[in-house]
Amino acid sequence: MREPRTIILVGYYLNILEKERMVSMKTGTKLALFVALFVLIGFPVIFTFISVMSDNWKYLLYSLPGSFTAGFIGLVVTLQHIKKERTIVGR
């Protein structure tokens, strides 16, 4: 049988690892939110600039559905994940 001191130390280190994992998840969700918003807003702006410079509006026309689809799905999934994290931390 292990000594109580060893069990307490193992529990302490597991608690530290859990806190580090939660911090990294929060950082990951911030990055995911940034990427989703960049795809949703940034890509159409970039392709608008390209379309204006090249005078070929098909670049913008063909980029909009993909950008909005990918950005919206990424945004919804990220917001659900953030909401899930808040409910876990709130307990």
N, C-alpha and C. Protein backbone atom coordinates (compact mmCIF):
# COMPACT_ATOMS: atom_id res chain seq x y z
N MET A 1 0.84 -1.18 0.00
CA MET A 1 0.00 0.00 0.00
C MET A 1 0.89 1.25 0.00
N ARG A 2 0.45 2.24 -0.74
CA ARG A 2 1.23 3.48 -0.82
C ARG A 2 1.02 4.33 0.42
N GLU A 3 2.01 5.13 0.66
CA GLU A 3 1.90 6.06 1.77
C GLU A 3 0.93 7.17 1.42
N PRO A 4 0.22 7.73 2.40
CA PRO A 4 -0.71 8.83 2.12
C PRO A 4 -0.03 10.03 1.48
N ARG A 5 1.22 10.24 1.84
CA ARG A 5 1.96 11.38 1.27
C ARG A 5 2.12 11.22 -0.24
N THR A 6 2.40 10.02 -0.71
CA THR A 6 2.55 9.76 -2.15
C THR A 6 1.23 9.98 -2.87
N ILE A 7 0.14 9.53 -2.30
CA ILE A 7 -1.17 9.69 -2.93
C ILE A 7 -1.52 11.17 -3.04
N ILE A 8 -1.21 11.94 -2.01
CA ILE A 8 -1.50 13.38 -2.04
C ILE A 8 -0.68 14.06 -3.14
N LEU A 9 0.60 13.69 -3.26
CA LEU A 9 1.44 14.29 -4.29
C LEU A 9 0.95 13.93 -5.69
N VAL A 10 0.52 12.69 -5.89
CA VAL A 10 0.00 12.28 -7.20
C VAL A 10 -1.26 13.08 -7.53
N GLY A 11 -2.14 13.24 -6.54
CA GLY A 11 -3.35 14.03 -6.75
C GLY A 11 -3.04 15.49 -7.06
N TYR A 12 -2.03 16.03 -6.39
CA TYR A 12 -1.61 17.41 -6.62
C TYR A 12 -1.11 17.59 -8.06
N TYR A 13 -0.27 16.67 -8.52
CA TYR A 13 0.26 16.77 -9.88
C TYR A 13 -0.83 16.55 -10.93
N LEU A 14 -1.78 15.68 -10.67
CA LEU A 14 -2.90 15.50 -11.60
C LEU A 14 -3.73 16.77 -11.69
N ASN A 15 -3.91 17.46 -10.57
CA ASN A 15 -4.66 18.72 -10.55
C ASN A 15 -3.93 19.78 -11.39
N ILE A 16 -2.60 19.84 -11.27
CA ILE A 16 -1.82 20.79 -12.05
C ILE A 16 -1.94 20.48 -13.54
N LEU A 17 -1.85 19.20 -13.90
CA LEU A 17 -1.97 18.82 -15.30
C LEU A 17 -3.35 19.17 -15.86
N GLU A 18 -4.39 18.99 -15.05
CA GLU A 18 -5.75 19.32 -15.49
C GLU A 18 -5.88 20.82 -15.74
N LYS A 19 -5.31 21.65 -14.87
CA LYS A 19 -5.36 23.10 -15.06
C LYS A 19 -4.60 23.52 -16.32
N GLU A 20 -3.45 22.90 -16.56
CA GLU A 20 -2.69 23.22 -17.77
C GLU A 20 -3.46 22.82 -19.02
N ARG A 21 -4.15 21.71 -18.96
CA ARG A 21 -4.94 21.27 -20.11
C ARG A 21 -6.08 22.25 -20.38
N MET A 22 -6.73 22.74 -19.32
CA MET A 22 -7.82 23.70 -19.51
C MET A 22 -7.29 25.00 -20.09
N VAL A 23 -6.11 25.44 -19.68
CA VAL A 23 -5.54 26.67 -20.22
C VAL A 23 -5.23 26.49 -21.70
N SER A 24 -4.66 25.33 -22.06
CA SER A 24 -4.34 25.11 -23.47
C SER A 24 -5.60 24.99 -24.31
N MET A 25 -6.68 24.45 -23.74
CA MET A 25 -7.93 24.37 -24.48
C MET A 25 -8.49 25.77 -24.73
N LYS A 26 -8.37 26.65 -23.73
CA LYS A 26 -8.85 28.01 -23.92
C LYS A 26 -8.05 28.72 -25.00
N THR A 27 -6.75 28.51 -25.01
CA THR A 27 -5.90 29.10 -26.04
C THR A 27 -6.27 28.54 -27.40
N GLY A 28 -6.56 27.24 -27.46
CA GLY A 28 -6.96 26.62 -28.72
C GLY A 28 -8.27 27.16 -29.24
N THR A 29 -9.21 27.43 -28.34
CA THR A 29 -10.49 27.97 -28.78
C THR A 29 -10.36 29.41 -29.24
N LYS A 30 -9.46 30.16 -28.63
CA LYS A 30 -9.23 31.54 -29.09
C LYS A 30 -8.65 31.54 -30.50
N LEU A 31 -7.72 30.63 -30.73
CA LEU A 31 -7.14 30.52 -32.06
C LEU A 31 -8.18 30.06 -33.08
N ALA A 32 -9.01 29.10 -32.69
CA ALA A 32 -10.06 28.62 -33.59
C ALA A 32 -11.07 29.72 -33.91
N LEU A 33 -11.40 30.53 -32.91
CA LEU A 33 -12.32 31.65 -33.14
C LEU A 33 -11.70 32.67 -34.10
N PHE A 34 -10.43 32.96 -33.92
CA PHE A 34 -9.74 33.89 -34.82
C PHE A 34 -9.72 33.35 -36.25
N VAL A 35 -9.40 32.07 -36.41
CA VAL A 35 -9.33 31.48 -37.75
C VAL A 35 -10.70 31.48 -38.40
N ALA A 36 -11.75 31.12 -37.65
CA ALA A 36 -13.10 31.09 -38.22
C ALA A 36 -13.53 32.49 -38.66
N LEU A 37 -13.25 33.49 -37.85
CA LEU A 37 -13.61 34.86 -38.24
C LEU A 37 -12.79 35.36 -39.41
N PHE A 38 -11.51 34.96 -39.46
CA PHE A 38 -10.68 35.37 -40.59
C PHE A 38 -11.19 34.74 -41.89
N VAL A 39 -11.57 33.47 -41.83
CA VAL A 39 -12.10 32.82 -43.04
C VAL A 39 -13.44 33.45 -43.42
N LEU A 40 -14.27 33.76 -42.44
CA LEU A 40 -15.60 34.31 -42.71
C LEU A 40 -15.53 35.75 -43.23
N ILE A 41 -14.61 36.55 -42.70
CA ILE A 41 -14.55 37.96 -43.07
C ILE A 41 -13.32 38.28 -43.94
N GLY A 42 -12.18 37.73 -43.57
CA GLY A 42 -10.92 38.08 -44.22
C GLY A 42 -10.81 37.59 -45.66
N PHE A 43 -11.21 36.35 -45.91
CA PHE A 43 -11.10 35.82 -47.27
C PHE A 43 -11.94 36.62 -48.27
N PRO A 44 -13.21 36.94 -47.98
CA PRO A 44 -13.96 37.77 -48.93
C PRO A 44 -13.32 39.14 -49.17
N VAL A 45 -12.73 39.72 -48.13
CA VAL A 45 -12.06 41.02 -48.30
C VAL A 45 -10.85 40.86 -49.21
N ILE A 46 -10.06 39.80 -48.99
CA ILE A 46 -8.89 39.56 -49.84
C ILE A 46 -9.31 39.33 -51.29
N PHE A 47 -10.34 38.51 -51.49
CA PHE A 47 -10.77 38.24 -52.86
C PHE A 47 -11.47 39.43 -53.49
N THR A 48 -12.07 40.32 -52.69
CA THR A 48 -12.60 41.56 -53.24
C THR A 48 -11.46 42.43 -53.75
N PHE A 49 -10.39 42.52 -52.99
CA PHE A 49 -9.22 43.28 -53.41
C PHE A 49 -8.63 42.70 -54.70
N ILE A 50 -8.51 41.37 -54.76
CA ILE A 50 -7.99 40.72 -55.97
C ILE A 50 -8.91 40.99 -57.16
N SER A 51 -10.22 40.94 -56.92
CA SER A 51 -11.17 41.19 -58.01
C SER A 51 -11.10 42.62 -58.51
N VAL A 52 -10.93 43.56 -57.61
CA VAL A 52 -10.82 44.96 -58.01
C VAL A 52 -9.53 45.18 -58.81
N MET A 53 -8.43 44.57 -58.35
CA MET A 53 -7.16 44.75 -59.04
C MET A 53 -7.13 44.08 -60.41
N SER A 54 -7.76 42.92 -60.53
CA SER A 54 -7.70 42.18 -61.79
C SER A 54 -8.89 42.50 -62.70
N ASP A 55 -9.91 43.17 -62.16
CA ASP A 55 -11.14 43.47 -62.89
C ASP A 55 -11.84 42.20 -63.36
N ASN A 56 -11.66 41.12 -62.62
CA ASN A 56 -12.33 39.85 -62.90
C ASN A 56 -13.10 39.48 -61.64
N TRP A 57 -14.41 39.70 -61.64
CA TRP A 57 -15.23 39.53 -60.45
C TRP A 57 -15.58 38.07 -60.17
N LYS A 58 -15.14 37.17 -61.04
CA LYS A 58 -15.39 35.74 -60.78
C LYS A 58 -14.60 35.25 -59.57
N TYR A 59 -13.44 35.87 -59.29
CA TYR A 59 -12.68 35.50 -58.10
C TYR A 59 -13.54 35.66 -56.84
N LEU A 60 -14.20 36.80 -56.74
CA LEU A 60 -15.05 37.04 -55.59
C LEU A 60 -16.27 36.14 -55.62
N LEU A 61 -16.87 35.99 -56.77
CA LEU A 61 -18.08 35.18 -56.90
C LEU A 61 -17.84 33.73 -56.49
N TYR A 62 -16.71 33.17 -56.88
CA TYR A 62 -16.42 31.77 -56.57
C TYR A 62 -15.88 31.58 -55.16
N SER A 63 -15.35 32.61 -54.55
CA SER A 63 -14.79 32.47 -53.20
C SER A 63 -15.85 32.63 -52.11
N LEU A 64 -16.93 33.35 -52.39
CA LEU A 64 -17.92 33.62 -51.35
C LEU A 64 -18.59 32.38 -50.76
N PRO A 65 -19.12 31.45 -51.58
CA PRO A 65 -19.79 30.30 -50.97
C PRO A 65 -18.86 29.45 -50.09
N GLY A 66 -17.66 29.20 -50.56
CA GLY A 66 -16.73 28.41 -49.76
C GLY A 66 -16.30 29.10 -48.49
N SER A 67 -16.03 30.41 -48.58
CA SER A 67 -15.61 31.16 -47.40
C SER A 67 -16.73 31.22 -46.36
N PHE A 68 -17.92 31.52 -46.80
CA PHE A 68 -19.03 31.61 -45.85
C PHE A 68 -19.37 30.26 -45.25
N THR A 69 -19.33 29.21 -46.05
CA THR A 69 -19.64 27.88 -45.53
C THR A 69 -18.60 27.44 -44.50
N ALA A 70 -17.33 27.52 -44.87
CA ALA A 70 -16.26 27.10 -43.96
C ALA A 70 -16.20 27.99 -42.72
N GLY A 71 -16.33 29.29 -42.91
CA GLY A 71 -16.26 30.22 -41.78
C GLY A 71 -17.43 30.06 -40.84
N PHE A 72 -18.63 29.88 -41.37
CA PHE A 72 -19.82 29.74 -40.52
C PHE A 72 -19.78 28.44 -39.74
N ILE A 73 -19.40 27.34 -40.39
CA ILE A 73 -19.31 26.06 -39.69
C ILE A 73 -18.24 26.12 -38.61
N GLY A 74 -17.09 26.69 -38.93
CA GLY A 74 -16.04 26.84 -37.93
C GLY A 74 -16.46 27.72 -36.77
N LEU A 75 -17.20 28.78 -37.06
CA LEU A 75 -17.67 29.68 -36.01
C LEU A 75 -18.67 28.99 -35.09
N VAL A 76 -19.61 28.25 -35.67
CA VAL A 76 -20.61 27.56 -34.86
C VAL A 76 -19.96 26.51 -33.96
N VAL A 77 -19.06 25.72 -34.53
CA VAL A 77 -18.39 24.67 -33.74
C VAL A 77 -17.54 25.30 -32.63
N THR A 78 -16.84 26.37 -32.93
CA THR A 78 -16.01 27.03 -31.93
C THR A 78 -16.86 27.62 -30.81
N LEU A 79 -17.95 28.28 -31.15
CA LEU A 79 -18.82 28.85 -30.13
C LEU A 79 -19.44 27.78 -29.25
N GLN A 80 -19.80 26.63 -29.83
CA GLN A 80 -20.31 25.52 -29.03
C GLN A 80 -19.25 25.01 -28.07
N HIS A 81 -18.01 24.94 -28.54
CA HIS A 81 -16.92 24.47 -27.70
C HIS A 81 -16.64 25.45 -26.56
N ILE A 82 -16.70 26.74 -26.84
CA ILE A 82 -16.49 27.75 -25.80
C ILE A 82 -17.61 27.67 -24.77
N LYS A 83 -18.83 27.49 -25.23
CA LYS A 83 -19.97 27.36 -24.32
C LYS A 83 -19.81 26.13 -23.43
N LYS A 84 -19.35 25.04 -24.02
CA LYS A 84 -19.12 23.80 -23.27
C LYS A 84 -18.03 24.00 -22.21
N GLU A 85 -16.96 24.72 -22.57
CA GLU A 85 -15.90 25.00 -21.60
C GLU A 85 -16.41 25.85 -20.44
N ARG A 86 -17.24 26.81 -20.74
CA ARG A 86 -17.77 27.68 -19.67
C ARG A 86 -18.64 26.91 -18.71
N THR A 87 -19.42 25.96 -19.21
CA THR A 87 -20.27 25.16 -18.32
C THR A 87 -19.42 24.23 -17.47
N ILE A 88 -18.30 23.72 -18.00
CA ILE A 88 -17.43 22.84 -17.23
C ILE A 88 -16.72 23.63 -16.14
N VAL A 89 -16.21 24.81 -16.48
CA VAL A 89 -15.50 25.62 -15.51
C VAL A 89 -16.46 26.16 -14.46
N GLY A 90 -17.71 26.44 -14.82
CA GLY A 90 -18.68 27.00 -13.92
C GLY A 90 -19.16 26.04 -12.83
N ARG A 91 -18.91 24.76 -12.99
CA ARG A 91 -19.38 23.77 -12.00
C ARG A 91 -18.69 23.90 -10.70
